[in-house]
Structure formats: C-alpha cells, structure tokens
Amino acid sequence: MITINNDPGFIKNVNELIAALSWFHPVSDEIAEFFRHHLFPIKLPKKKLLLKAGMVCGHLYFIKKGAIRGFLKHGAKEITTWITVDGEIVTSIGGLNGQQASKEYIQSVEASELLAMKFEDLEKLYDTFPAFNIIGRKLLQKYYHDAENRALLVRIPKAEHRYLHFIDTQSHLANRIPLTYIASYLGLRLETLSKVRSKIARHAR
C-alpha cells in the first residue's frame, strides 16, 4: 500500500512542481494527488553522481533547488554536455527510451534537492490520466528545443560569439556555474574563455 509523505516541506515542493507543470496544461486534482503519492525527495551533496555512464536510469527528477550537469568522459577529460538548475526536469533519455544504458554521467554541481519518480509510475500516470500526455508532449518539445540550441551553440565558430550567445540564452548560469564546466560546455579551453570574458568586460566599461 502506498502512503503519502505528509512532511510540510515535501508537500510544498510537490505543489511547486504541480504549479510549474500547470504552465503547460492544467493539472487536475487527481493528477496532483498521484504526484503526492508517487514522488519522493532526494538530497545530493555537491559533486555527487546521480548516475554513472553504463547504468540504466529508472527515474525522472525535478530539481527543487540546485544545479545538475551531464557529462561524458574521454580518457581523463570530462566534457560537459548540459547544465540545468532549479525548476527543471532531468533524466537519462536512454533510460526513458526503452531502459537503455546511459552514455552520460549525471552529477550535482551544487548541493541539490530533487523530487524523483520511478519510470514505471510515470507510465502509470500517462495511462491513468490521458490529459497528462499533453504535458508530457509539451515538455518533450521544450527539451528538444533546448537540445537543438545546445547543438547549434557549439557550431558557432568564434569563441567570443559562442560565449555571447550563451549569455543571451542562458545568462542565469553565467555567474552561478564554475567556469571549468561552462568552458567545457562551450567546447572552449578554460584559458580561452577567461580571455573572452576579460575582453567583454573591458569593452563594457
């Protein structure tokens, strides 16, 4: 038998997730109740791995507070592939698509608080409440758009233009995420990014 977590902090976090999803499509009381029964909280310290490459992810995560990144390993080098923060949803697409092993590592950049749902419960949610499929579709459209922007970003030839595009589209990350991760995300050397930032700062004076 599933019992609801009555902790006030948990209920508040779930209500915030429901409010965020309602931006895409109204969330019925029945769907909200399903969330309260099937979500559970996770706390991650800074730099904690949520998932290792080669493992199958079985959960969808909502970031209540904190920052999470995905990265690949090439020898000793880590290549950041995406970064996201409060109010966003993260998972391994491989796990969502037929329980395939992840090609990426997923790691907390900051101490983070998440809400998690098992994929099997997510499927039950879709089957039980057809209206939630609208939210799922709109979320997939949003994250496909974000993935397209990331693919275009690293194809901008000049380092300065690449960074300026990053500032235009993801300024909320600029002063929050360590430069090492931002440089890797932009496909730049840390030294190159530092020079670009210094040049932009001089011109802004």
N, C-alpha and C. Protein backbone atom coordinates (compact mmCIF):
# COMPACT_ATOMS: atom_id res chain seq x y z
N MET A 1 0.85 -1.20 0.00
CA MET A 1 0.00 0.00 0.00
C MET A 1 0.88 1.24 0.00
N ILE A 2 0.57 2.20 -0.90
CA ILE A 2 1.35 3.44 -0.98
C ILE A 2 0.77 4.45 -0.01
N THR A 3 1.64 5.06 0.79
CA THR A 3 1.19 6.09 1.72
C THR A 3 1.81 7.42 1.34
N ILE A 4 1.09 8.49 1.60
CA ILE A 4 1.57 9.82 1.24
C ILE A 4 2.56 10.33 2.28
N ASN A 5 3.56 11.06 1.81
CA ASN A 5 4.52 11.73 2.69
C ASN A 5 3.88 13.05 3.13
N ASN A 6 3.58 13.18 4.42
CA ASN A 6 2.88 14.36 4.93
C ASN A 6 3.82 15.44 5.44
N ASP A 7 5.11 15.30 5.20
CA ASP A 7 6.05 16.33 5.63
C ASP A 7 5.70 17.65 4.93
N PRO A 8 5.55 18.75 5.67
CA PRO A 8 5.14 20.02 5.06
C PRO A 8 6.10 20.50 3.96
N GLY A 9 7.40 20.28 4.17
CA GLY A 9 8.37 20.69 3.16
C GLY A 9 8.19 19.90 1.87
N PHE A 10 7.94 18.59 2.00
CA PHE A 10 7.71 17.75 0.83
C PHE A 10 6.46 18.20 0.08
N ILE A 11 5.36 18.42 0.81
CA ILE A 11 4.11 18.85 0.20
C ILE A 11 4.31 20.18 -0.54
N LYS A 12 5.04 21.10 0.07
CA LYS A 12 5.32 22.40 -0.56
C LYS A 12 6.08 22.20 -1.86
N ASN A 13 7.08 21.33 -1.85
CA ASN A 13 7.88 21.09 -3.05
C ASN A 13 7.03 20.46 -4.17
N VAL A 14 6.18 19.52 -3.80
CA VAL A 14 5.31 18.88 -4.80
C VAL A 14 4.35 19.91 -5.39
N ASN A 15 3.81 20.78 -4.53
CA ASN A 15 2.89 21.81 -5.02
C ASN A 15 3.59 22.77 -5.98
N GLU A 16 4.86 23.04 -5.74
CA GLU A 16 5.62 23.91 -6.65
C GLU A 16 5.83 23.23 -8.00
N LEU A 17 6.08 21.91 -7.98
CA LEU A 17 6.20 21.16 -9.23
C LEU A 17 4.88 21.19 -9.99
N ILE A 18 3.79 20.98 -9.29
CA ILE A 18 2.47 20.98 -9.93
C ILE A 18 2.19 22.35 -10.56
N ALA A 19 2.56 23.42 -9.85
CA ALA A 19 2.37 24.77 -10.38
C ALA A 19 3.20 24.98 -11.65
N ALA A 20 4.43 24.45 -11.65
CA ALA A 20 5.29 24.58 -12.84
C ALA A 20 4.70 23.81 -14.02
N LEU A 21 4.18 22.62 -13.78
CA LEU A 21 3.59 21.82 -14.86
C LEU A 21 2.30 22.43 -15.37
N SER A 22 1.60 23.16 -14.50
CA SER A 22 0.34 23.78 -14.89
C SER A 22 0.55 24.88 -15.93
N TRP A 23 1.78 25.35 -16.05
CA TRP A 23 2.09 26.34 -17.08
C TRP A 23 1.90 25.73 -18.47
N PHE A 24 2.11 24.42 -18.59
CA PHE A 24 1.96 23.73 -19.87
C PHE A 24 0.51 23.34 -20.14
N HIS A 25 -0.19 22.91 -19.06
CA HIS A 25 -1.56 22.44 -19.20
C HIS A 25 -2.13 22.29 -17.79
N PRO A 26 -3.42 22.57 -17.59
CA PRO A 26 -3.99 22.43 -16.24
C PRO A 26 -3.77 21.04 -15.65
N VAL A 27 -3.41 21.00 -14.38
CA VAL A 27 -3.19 19.73 -13.67
C VAL A 27 -4.39 19.48 -12.77
N SER A 28 -5.07 18.38 -13.00
CA SER A 28 -6.27 18.07 -12.22
C SER A 28 -5.90 17.70 -10.78
N ASP A 29 -6.90 17.74 -9.91
CA ASP A 29 -6.67 17.35 -8.51
C ASP A 29 -6.23 15.89 -8.42
N GLU A 30 -6.76 15.05 -9.31
CA GLU A 30 -6.41 13.62 -9.29
C GLU A 30 -4.95 13.42 -9.67
N ILE A 31 -4.48 14.16 -10.67
CA ILE A 31 -3.06 14.07 -11.05
C ILE A 31 -2.18 14.59 -9.93
N ALA A 32 -2.59 15.70 -9.31
CA ALA A 32 -1.82 16.26 -8.19
C ALA A 32 -1.71 15.24 -7.06
N GLU A 33 -2.81 14.54 -6.80
CA GLU A 33 -2.79 13.53 -5.74
C GLU A 33 -1.86 12.38 -6.11
N PHE A 34 -1.83 12.00 -7.38
CA PHE A 34 -0.92 10.95 -7.84
C PHE A 34 0.53 11.36 -7.56
N PHE A 35 0.86 12.60 -7.86
CA PHE A 35 2.21 13.09 -7.59
C PHE A 35 2.55 12.98 -6.11
N ARG A 36 1.63 13.36 -5.27
CA ARG A 36 1.90 13.35 -3.83
C ARG A 36 2.14 11.93 -3.31
N HIS A 37 1.58 10.95 -3.99
CA HIS A 37 1.74 9.56 -3.56
C HIS A 37 2.95 8.86 -4.19
N HIS A 38 3.44 9.37 -5.32
CA HIS A 38 4.47 8.62 -6.06
C HIS A 38 5.81 9.35 -6.20
N LEU A 39 5.88 10.58 -5.76
CA LEU A 39 7.17 11.29 -5.74
C LEU A 39 7.86 11.04 -4.40
N PHE A 40 9.19 11.12 -4.42
CA PHE A 40 9.93 11.05 -3.17
C PHE A 40 11.16 11.96 -3.25
N PRO A 41 11.57 12.54 -2.12
CA PRO A 41 12.66 13.52 -2.12
C PRO A 41 14.04 12.88 -2.10
N ILE A 42 14.99 13.57 -2.74
CA ILE A 42 16.40 13.15 -2.73
C ILE A 42 17.25 14.39 -2.47
N LYS A 43 18.23 14.27 -1.60
CA LYS A 43 19.19 15.35 -1.37
C LYS A 43 20.57 14.89 -1.82
N LEU A 44 21.23 15.73 -2.61
CA LEU A 44 22.56 15.41 -3.11
C LEU A 44 23.57 16.44 -2.62
N PRO A 45 24.70 16.01 -2.05
CA PRO A 45 25.77 16.97 -1.76
C PRO A 45 26.41 17.43 -3.07
N LYS A 46 27.19 18.46 -2.99
CA LYS A 46 27.89 18.99 -4.16
C LYS A 46 28.81 17.93 -4.79
N LYS A 47 28.78 17.85 -6.12
CA LYS A 47 29.62 16.94 -6.92
C LYS A 47 29.30 15.46 -6.71
N LYS A 48 28.08 15.17 -6.29
CA LYS A 48 27.65 13.79 -6.11
C LYS A 48 27.10 13.25 -7.43
N LEU A 49 27.53 12.05 -7.82
CA LEU A 49 27.00 11.43 -9.03
C LEU A 49 25.60 10.89 -8.77
N LEU A 50 24.66 11.31 -9.62
CA LEU A 50 23.31 10.80 -9.58
C LEU A 50 23.19 9.55 -10.47
N LEU A 51 24.03 9.51 -11.51
CA LEU A 51 24.02 8.38 -12.45
C LEU A 51 25.40 8.25 -13.09
N LYS A 52 25.86 7.02 -13.25
CA LYS A 52 27.12 6.76 -13.95
C LYS A 52 26.83 6.27 -15.37
N ALA A 53 27.72 6.60 -16.29
CA ALA A 53 27.61 6.08 -17.65
C ALA A 53 27.63 4.55 -17.60
N GLY A 54 26.79 3.94 -18.42
CA GLY A 54 26.70 2.48 -18.44
C GLY A 54 25.59 1.93 -17.56
N MET A 55 25.07 2.79 -16.67
CA MET A 55 23.96 2.37 -15.81
C MET A 55 22.64 2.74 -16.48
N VAL A 56 21.60 2.03 -16.11
CA VAL A 56 20.25 2.34 -16.61
C VAL A 56 19.54 3.22 -15.59
N CYS A 57 19.09 4.38 -16.05
CA CYS A 57 18.36 5.29 -15.16
C CYS A 57 16.90 4.86 -15.11
N GLY A 58 16.35 4.79 -13.93
CA GLY A 58 14.96 4.36 -13.79
C GLY A 58 14.05 5.44 -13.24
N HIS A 59 14.54 6.70 -13.22
CA HIS A 59 13.77 7.76 -12.59
C HIS A 59 13.77 9.05 -13.41
N LEU A 60 12.76 9.84 -13.17
CA LEU A 60 12.67 11.21 -13.66
C LEU A 60 12.86 12.10 -12.44
N TYR A 61 13.65 13.19 -12.58
CA TYR A 61 13.97 14.04 -11.44
C TYR A 61 13.55 15.48 -11.71
N PHE A 62 12.92 16.10 -10.71
CA PHE A 62 12.60 17.52 -10.74
C PHE A 62 13.55 18.23 -9.79
N ILE A 63 14.24 19.26 -10.27
CA ILE A 63 15.19 19.99 -9.42
C ILE A 63 14.43 21.05 -8.63
N LYS A 64 14.24 20.80 -7.37
CA LYS A 64 13.63 21.80 -6.49
C LYS A 64 14.63 22.93 -6.24
N LYS A 65 15.87 22.55 -5.97
CA LYS A 65 16.91 23.54 -5.66
C LYS A 65 18.25 22.94 -6.03
N GLY A 66 19.09 23.74 -6.70
CA GLY A 66 20.43 23.26 -7.02
C GLY A 66 20.74 23.33 -8.50
N ALA A 67 21.81 22.66 -8.89
CA ALA A 67 22.27 22.65 -10.28
C ALA A 67 22.81 21.26 -10.60
N ILE A 68 22.48 20.77 -11.79
CA ILE A 68 22.86 19.43 -12.22
C ILE A 68 23.48 19.53 -13.62
N ARG A 69 24.49 18.71 -13.88
CA ARG A 69 25.08 18.68 -15.23
C ARG A 69 25.17 17.24 -15.73
N GLY A 70 25.20 17.11 -17.04
CA GLY A 70 25.52 15.85 -17.67
C GLY A 70 26.90 15.97 -18.29
N PHE A 71 27.66 14.88 -18.28
CA PHE A 71 28.98 14.94 -18.91
C PHE A 71 29.41 13.58 -19.41
N LEU A 72 30.31 13.62 -20.39
CA LEU A 72 30.94 12.43 -20.93
C LEU A 72 32.38 12.39 -20.46
N LYS A 73 32.97 11.20 -20.45
CA LYS A 73 34.39 11.08 -20.14
C LYS A 73 35.15 10.63 -21.39
N HIS A 74 36.22 11.35 -21.68
CA HIS A 74 37.12 10.97 -22.78
C HIS A 74 38.51 10.86 -22.18
N GLY A 75 38.88 9.64 -21.79
CA GLY A 75 40.11 9.47 -21.03
C GLY A 75 39.91 10.12 -19.66
N ALA A 76 40.85 11.00 -19.30
CA ALA A 76 40.74 11.71 -18.02
C ALA A 76 39.93 12.99 -18.15
N LYS A 77 39.55 13.33 -19.37
CA LYS A 77 38.84 14.59 -19.62
C LYS A 77 37.33 14.42 -19.47
N GLU A 78 36.70 15.39 -18.81
CA GLU A 78 35.26 15.42 -18.68
C GLU A 78 34.69 16.48 -19.64
N ILE A 79 33.70 16.10 -20.42
CA ILE A 79 33.09 17.01 -21.39
C ILE A 79 31.65 17.26 -20.97
N THR A 80 31.37 18.46 -20.50
CA THR A 80 30.02 18.80 -20.04
C THR A 80 29.10 18.94 -21.24
N THR A 81 27.99 18.22 -21.21
CA THR A 81 27.06 18.22 -22.35
C THR A 81 25.81 19.06 -22.08
N TRP A 82 25.43 19.21 -20.83
CA TRP A 82 24.31 20.09 -20.48
C TRP A 82 24.41 20.47 -19.01
N ILE A 83 23.77 21.60 -18.70
CA ILE A 83 23.71 22.10 -17.32
C ILE A 83 22.31 22.65 -17.10
N THR A 84 21.70 22.33 -15.97
CA THR A 84 20.38 22.87 -15.70
C THR A 84 20.22 23.10 -14.20
N VAL A 85 19.26 23.94 -13.85
CA VAL A 85 19.13 24.39 -12.45
C VAL A 85 17.68 24.31 -11.99
N ASP A 86 17.41 25.00 -10.87
CA ASP A 86 16.11 24.97 -10.21
C ASP A 86 14.92 25.03 -11.20
N GLY A 87 13.92 24.21 -10.90
CA GLY A 87 12.68 24.27 -11.66
C GLY A 87 12.67 23.45 -12.93
N GLU A 88 13.77 22.74 -13.23
CA GLU A 88 13.84 21.94 -14.45
C GLU A 88 13.75 20.45 -14.13
N ILE A 89 13.53 19.67 -15.17
CA ILE A 89 13.43 18.21 -15.04
C ILE A 89 14.61 17.57 -15.74
N VAL A 90 15.21 16.56 -15.12
CA VAL A 90 16.35 15.87 -15.71
C VAL A 90 16.16 14.36 -15.64
N THR A 91 16.75 13.68 -16.58
CA THR A 91 16.77 12.22 -16.59
C THR A 91 17.76 11.78 -17.65
N SER A 92 17.92 10.48 -17.82
CA SER A 92 18.68 9.93 -18.92
C SER A 92 17.69 9.55 -20.02
N ILE A 93 17.86 10.12 -21.21
CA ILE A 93 16.96 9.81 -22.31
C ILE A 93 17.01 8.33 -22.66
N GLY A 94 18.18 7.73 -22.52
CA GLY A 94 18.31 6.30 -22.78
C GLY A 94 17.42 5.48 -21.87
N GLY A 95 17.37 5.85 -20.60
CA GLY A 95 16.52 5.14 -19.65
C GLY A 95 15.05 5.34 -19.95
N LEU A 96 14.70 6.54 -20.37
CA LEU A 96 13.32 6.85 -20.70
C LEU A 96 12.87 6.13 -21.97
N ASN A 97 13.84 5.87 -22.86
CA ASN A 97 13.55 5.24 -24.14
C ASN A 97 13.96 3.76 -24.12
N GLY A 98 13.14 2.95 -23.48
CA GLY A 98 13.38 1.51 -23.50
C GLY A 98 14.43 1.02 -22.55
N GLN A 99 14.69 1.79 -21.46
CA GLN A 99 15.63 1.36 -20.43
C GLN A 99 16.99 1.00 -21.00
N GLN A 100 17.54 1.89 -21.83
CA GLN A 100 18.89 1.72 -22.36
C GLN A 100 19.90 2.33 -21.40
N ALA A 101 21.10 1.81 -21.40
CA ALA A 101 22.16 2.33 -20.53
C ALA A 101 22.52 3.76 -20.93
N SER A 102 22.81 4.57 -19.93
CA SER A 102 23.16 5.96 -20.18
C SER A 102 24.56 6.08 -20.77
N LYS A 103 24.73 7.01 -21.70
CA LYS A 103 26.06 7.32 -22.24
C LYS A 103 26.73 8.43 -21.43
N GLU A 104 25.95 9.08 -20.58
CA GLU A 104 26.45 10.22 -19.81
C GLU A 104 26.47 9.93 -18.32
N TYR A 105 27.31 10.68 -17.63
CA TYR A 105 27.25 10.78 -16.18
C TYR A 105 26.33 11.95 -15.84
N ILE A 106 25.60 11.86 -14.74
CA ILE A 106 24.80 12.98 -14.25
C ILE A 106 25.26 13.29 -12.84
N GLN A 107 25.59 14.56 -12.59
CA GLN A 107 26.25 14.95 -11.34
C GLN A 107 25.70 16.28 -10.83
N SER A 108 25.62 16.41 -9.52
CA SER A 108 25.23 17.69 -8.92
C SER A 108 26.42 18.67 -8.99
N VAL A 109 26.15 19.88 -9.43
CA VAL A 109 27.16 20.94 -9.44
C VAL A 109 27.14 21.68 -8.11
N GLU A 110 25.96 21.77 -7.52
CA GLU A 110 25.75 22.36 -6.20
C GLU A 110 25.04 21.33 -5.33
N ALA A 111 25.01 21.57 -4.04
CA ALA A 111 24.14 20.77 -3.17
C ALA A 111 22.72 20.95 -3.69
N SER A 112 22.02 19.85 -3.94
CA SER A 112 20.75 19.92 -4.64
C SER A 112 19.65 19.12 -3.95
N GLU A 113 18.43 19.61 -4.10
CA GLU A 113 17.25 18.91 -3.60
C GLU A 113 16.37 18.56 -4.79
N LEU A 114 16.03 17.27 -4.92
CA LEU A 114 15.26 16.78 -6.06
C LEU A 114 13.99 16.08 -5.59
N LEU A 115 13.03 16.00 -6.51
CA LEU A 115 11.90 15.11 -6.35
C LEU A 115 12.02 14.06 -7.44
N ALA A 116 11.86 12.80 -7.09
CA ALA A 116 12.06 11.71 -8.05
C ALA A 116 10.78 10.91 -8.22
N MET A 117 10.62 10.37 -9.46
CA MET A 117 9.51 9.45 -9.74
C MET A 117 10.05 8.30 -10.56
N LYS A 118 9.66 7.08 -10.23
CA LYS A 118 10.06 5.92 -11.00
C LYS A 118 9.41 5.97 -12.39
N PHE A 119 10.14 5.48 -13.40
CA PHE A 119 9.59 5.45 -14.75
C PHE A 119 8.30 4.63 -14.81
N GLU A 120 8.25 3.56 -14.04
CA GLU A 120 7.04 2.72 -14.07
C GLU A 120 5.83 3.50 -13.55
N ASP A 121 6.06 4.40 -12.58
CA ASP A 121 4.97 5.24 -12.08
C ASP A 121 4.63 6.33 -13.09
N LEU A 122 5.63 6.82 -13.80
CA LEU A 122 5.37 7.80 -14.85
C LEU A 122 4.50 7.19 -15.95
N GLU A 123 4.79 5.95 -16.33
CA GLU A 123 3.98 5.27 -17.34
C GLU A 123 2.55 5.07 -16.84
N LYS A 124 2.43 4.75 -15.56
CA LYS A 124 1.10 4.58 -14.97
C LYS A 124 0.33 5.91 -15.00
N LEU A 125 1.07 7.00 -14.77
CA LEU A 125 0.47 8.34 -14.81
C LEU A 125 -0.09 8.64 -16.21
N TYR A 126 0.71 8.33 -17.24
CA TYR A 126 0.25 8.55 -18.62
C TYR A 126 -0.97 7.69 -18.93
N ASP A 127 -0.95 6.44 -18.50
CA ASP A 127 -2.04 5.51 -18.82
C ASP A 127 -3.33 5.86 -18.07
N THR A 128 -3.19 6.28 -16.84
CA THR A 128 -4.36 6.55 -16.00
C THR A 128 -5.01 7.89 -16.32
N PHE A 129 -4.17 8.88 -16.65
CA PHE A 129 -4.67 10.24 -16.89
C PHE A 129 -4.23 10.72 -18.27
N PRO A 130 -5.02 10.45 -19.32
CA PRO A 130 -4.65 10.84 -20.69
C PRO A 130 -4.29 12.32 -20.82
N ALA A 131 -4.89 13.18 -20.01
CA ALA A 131 -4.60 14.62 -20.09
C ALA A 131 -3.14 14.92 -19.80
N PHE A 132 -2.51 14.05 -18.98
CA PHE A 132 -1.10 14.31 -18.65
C PHE A 132 -0.19 14.09 -19.86
N ASN A 133 -0.66 13.35 -20.85
CA ASN A 133 0.12 13.17 -22.07
C ASN A 133 0.37 14.49 -22.78
N ILE A 134 -0.55 15.45 -22.62
CA ILE A 134 -0.36 16.78 -23.20
C ILE A 134 0.83 17.46 -22.55
N ILE A 135 0.92 17.37 -21.23
CA ILE A 135 2.06 17.95 -20.51
C ILE A 135 3.35 17.26 -20.94
N GLY A 136 3.31 15.93 -21.03
CA GLY A 136 4.49 15.18 -21.45
C GLY A 136 4.97 15.60 -22.83
N ARG A 137 4.02 15.78 -23.75
CA ARG A 137 4.38 16.18 -25.11
C ARG A 137 5.01 17.56 -25.12
N LYS A 138 4.42 18.49 -24.37
CA LYS A 138 4.94 19.86 -24.36
C LYS A 138 6.31 19.93 -23.67
N LEU A 139 6.51 19.10 -22.65
CA LEU A 139 7.83 19.03 -22.01
C LEU A 139 8.88 18.51 -23.00
N LEU A 140 8.53 17.47 -23.75
CA LEU A 140 9.46 16.92 -24.73
C LEU A 140 9.78 17.94 -25.81
N GLN A 141 8.79 18.72 -26.23
CA GLN A 141 9.03 19.77 -27.21
C GLN A 141 10.02 20.80 -26.67
N LYS A 142 9.83 21.18 -25.39
CA LYS A 142 10.72 22.16 -24.77
C LYS A 142 12.15 21.64 -24.71
N TYR A 143 12.31 20.39 -24.26
CA TYR A 143 13.67 19.87 -24.09
C TYR A 143 14.32 19.51 -25.43
N TYR A 144 13.53 19.19 -26.42
CA TYR A 144 14.09 19.00 -27.76
C TYR A 144 14.60 20.34 -28.29
N HIS A 145 13.84 21.40 -28.05
CA HIS A 145 14.28 22.74 -28.45
C HIS A 145 15.57 23.13 -27.74
N ASP A 146 15.66 22.83 -26.44
CA ASP A 146 16.89 23.12 -25.68
C ASP A 146 18.07 22.34 -26.24
N ALA A 147 17.84 21.07 -26.59
CA ALA A 147 18.92 20.24 -27.15
C ALA A 147 19.37 20.78 -28.50
N GLU A 148 18.43 21.26 -29.29
CA GLU A 148 18.78 21.85 -30.59
C GLU A 148 19.64 23.09 -30.40
N ASN A 149 19.29 23.92 -29.42
CA ASN A 149 20.09 25.12 -29.13
C ASN A 149 21.50 24.76 -28.70
N ARG A 150 21.64 23.70 -27.90
CA ARG A 150 22.98 23.28 -27.48
C ARG A 150 23.80 22.80 -28.67
N ALA A 151 23.15 22.08 -29.58
CA ALA A 151 23.86 21.59 -30.77
C ALA A 151 24.32 22.75 -31.65
N LEU A 152 23.49 23.78 -31.76
CA LEU A 152 23.85 24.94 -32.57
C LEU A 152 24.94 25.77 -31.90
N LEU A 153 24.89 25.84 -30.58
CA LEU A 153 25.84 26.67 -29.82
C LEU A 153 27.28 26.31 -30.12
N VAL A 154 27.60 25.03 -30.08
CA VAL A 154 29.00 24.61 -30.25
C VAL A 154 29.46 24.69 -31.71
N ARG A 155 28.53 25.03 -32.62
CA ARG A 155 28.90 25.19 -34.02
C ARG A 155 29.20 26.64 -34.39
N ILE A 156 29.00 27.55 -33.43
CA ILE A 156 29.37 28.95 -33.67
C ILE A 156 30.88 29.03 -33.68
N PRO A 157 31.49 29.49 -34.79
CA PRO A 157 32.95 29.36 -34.94
C PRO A 157 33.79 30.22 -33.99
N LYS A 158 33.41 31.47 -33.73
CA LYS A 158 34.23 32.34 -32.89
C LYS A 158 33.90 32.14 -31.42
N ALA A 159 34.95 32.02 -30.61
CA ALA A 159 34.76 31.78 -29.18
C ALA A 159 33.96 32.91 -28.54
N GLU A 160 34.25 34.16 -28.92
CA GLU A 160 33.54 35.30 -28.33
C GLU A 160 32.06 35.26 -28.67
N HIS A 161 31.74 34.96 -29.93
CA HIS A 161 30.33 34.88 -30.35
C HIS A 161 29.62 33.72 -29.67
N ARG A 162 30.35 32.64 -29.46
CA ARG A 162 29.77 31.48 -28.79
C ARG A 162 29.39 31.83 -27.35
N TYR A 163 30.31 32.53 -26.66
CA TYR A 163 30.03 32.92 -25.28
C TYR A 163 28.91 33.94 -25.21
N LEU A 164 28.88 34.89 -26.13
CA LEU A 164 27.82 35.90 -26.13
C LEU A 164 26.45 35.26 -26.37
N HIS A 165 26.43 34.25 -27.23
CA HIS A 165 25.17 33.53 -27.46
C HIS A 165 24.74 32.81 -26.18
N PHE A 166 25.70 32.23 -25.49
CA PHE A 166 25.43 31.57 -24.21
C PHE A 166 24.84 32.57 -23.22
N ILE A 167 25.41 33.78 -23.15
CA ILE A 167 24.92 34.81 -22.24
C ILE A 167 23.51 35.23 -22.63
N ASP A 168 23.25 35.33 -23.93
CA ASP A 168 21.93 35.74 -24.40
C ASP A 168 20.85 34.71 -24.06
N THR A 169 21.22 33.45 -24.11
CA THR A 169 20.22 32.38 -23.96
C THR A 169 20.22 31.71 -22.59
N GLN A 170 21.35 31.77 -21.87
CA GLN A 170 21.44 31.08 -20.58
C GLN A 170 22.19 31.93 -19.55
N SER A 171 21.85 33.20 -19.50
CA SER A 171 22.56 34.13 -18.62
C SER A 171 22.46 33.72 -17.15
N HIS A 172 21.40 33.00 -16.78
CA HIS A 172 21.21 32.58 -15.38
C HIS A 172 22.30 31.61 -14.91
N LEU A 173 23.06 31.04 -15.86
CA LEU A 173 24.13 30.11 -15.49
C LEU A 173 25.49 30.79 -15.38
N ALA A 174 25.62 31.96 -15.99
CA ALA A 174 26.94 32.58 -16.19
C ALA A 174 27.71 32.81 -14.89
N ASN A 175 27.07 33.33 -13.86
CA ASN A 175 27.76 33.64 -12.62
C ASN A 175 27.45 32.64 -11.51
N ARG A 176 26.84 31.53 -11.90
CA ARG A 176 26.46 30.52 -10.91
C ARG A 176 27.26 29.23 -11.05
N ILE A 177 27.58 28.87 -12.29
CA ILE A 177 28.24 27.61 -12.59
C ILE A 177 29.75 27.84 -12.72
N PRO A 178 30.59 26.97 -12.15
CA PRO A 178 32.04 27.13 -12.28
C PRO A 178 32.48 27.26 -13.74
N LEU A 179 33.45 28.15 -13.98
CA LEU A 179 33.91 28.41 -15.35
C LEU A 179 34.44 27.15 -16.03
N THR A 180 35.01 26.24 -15.25
CA THR A 180 35.52 24.99 -15.83
C THR A 180 34.41 24.25 -16.57
N TYR A 181 33.23 24.19 -15.97
CA TYR A 181 32.12 23.49 -16.59
C TYR A 181 31.56 24.27 -17.77
N ILE A 182 31.50 25.60 -17.63
CA ILE A 182 30.99 26.42 -18.73
C ILE A 182 31.91 26.31 -19.94
N ALA A 183 33.22 26.37 -19.70
CA ALA A 183 34.18 26.25 -20.81
C ALA A 183 34.01 24.91 -21.52
N SER A 184 33.89 23.85 -20.75
CA SER A 184 33.70 22.52 -21.34
C SER A 184 32.39 22.44 -22.11
N TYR A 185 31.34 23.02 -21.57
CA TYR A 185 30.03 23.04 -22.21
C TYR A 185 30.08 23.78 -23.55
N LEU A 186 30.89 24.86 -23.60
CA LEU A 186 31.00 25.65 -24.82
C LEU A 186 32.05 25.10 -25.79
N GLY A 187 32.75 24.04 -25.37
CA GLY A 187 33.78 23.48 -26.23
C GLY A 187 35.00 24.38 -26.34
N LEU A 188 35.32 25.09 -25.23
CA LEU A 188 36.44 26.02 -25.21
C LEU A 188 37.44 25.62 -24.13
N ARG A 189 38.69 26.01 -24.32
CA ARG A 189 39.67 25.88 -23.25
C ARG A 189 39.35 26.90 -22.17
N LEU A 190 39.64 26.57 -20.92
CA LEU A 190 39.36 27.49 -19.82
C LEU A 190 40.09 28.82 -20.03
N GLU A 191 41.33 28.76 -20.51
CA GLU A 191 42.11 29.97 -20.75
C GLU A 191 41.45 30.85 -21.81
N THR A 192 40.91 30.20 -22.84
CA THR A 192 40.23 30.95 -23.91
C THR A 192 38.99 31.64 -23.37
N LEU A 193 38.21 30.93 -22.59
CA LEU A 193 37.00 31.53 -22.02
C LEU A 193 37.35 32.70 -21.11
N SER A 194 38.39 32.56 -20.30
CA SER A 194 38.79 33.64 -19.40
C SER A 194 39.18 34.89 -20.20
N LYS A 195 39.90 34.71 -21.31
CA LYS A 195 40.29 35.84 -22.15
C LYS A 195 39.07 36.50 -22.78
N VAL A 196 38.13 35.68 -23.24
CA VAL A 196 36.90 36.22 -23.85
C VAL A 196 36.12 37.04 -22.82
N ARG A 197 35.99 36.52 -21.63
CA ARG A 197 35.24 37.24 -20.58
C ARG A 197 35.94 38.56 -20.22
N SER A 198 37.26 38.53 -20.15
CA SER A 198 38.01 39.75 -19.83
C SER A 198 37.83 40.79 -20.93
N LYS A 199 37.87 40.36 -22.19
CA LYS A 199 37.69 41.27 -23.32
C LYS A 199 36.31 41.90 -23.30
N ILE A 200 35.30 41.11 -23.04
CA ILE A 200 33.93 41.62 -22.99
C ILE A 200 33.76 42.60 -21.83
N ALA A 201 34.37 42.27 -20.69
CA ALA A 201 34.29 43.15 -19.52
C ALA A 201 34.95 44.50 -19.79
N ARG A 202 36.12 44.51 -20.49
CA ARG A 202 36.81 45.76 -20.83
C ARG A 202 35.96 46.63 -21.73
N HIS A 203 35.32 46.01 -22.72
CA HIS A 203 34.50 46.77 -23.67
C HIS A 203 33.23 47.31 -23.03
N ALA A 204 32.82 46.68 -21.93
CA ALA A 204 31.59 47.10 -21.26
C ALA A 204 31.81 48.30 -20.34
N ARG A 205 33.06 48.64 -20.09
CA ARG A 205 33.37 49.75 -19.17
C ARG A 205 33.10 51.10 -19.82
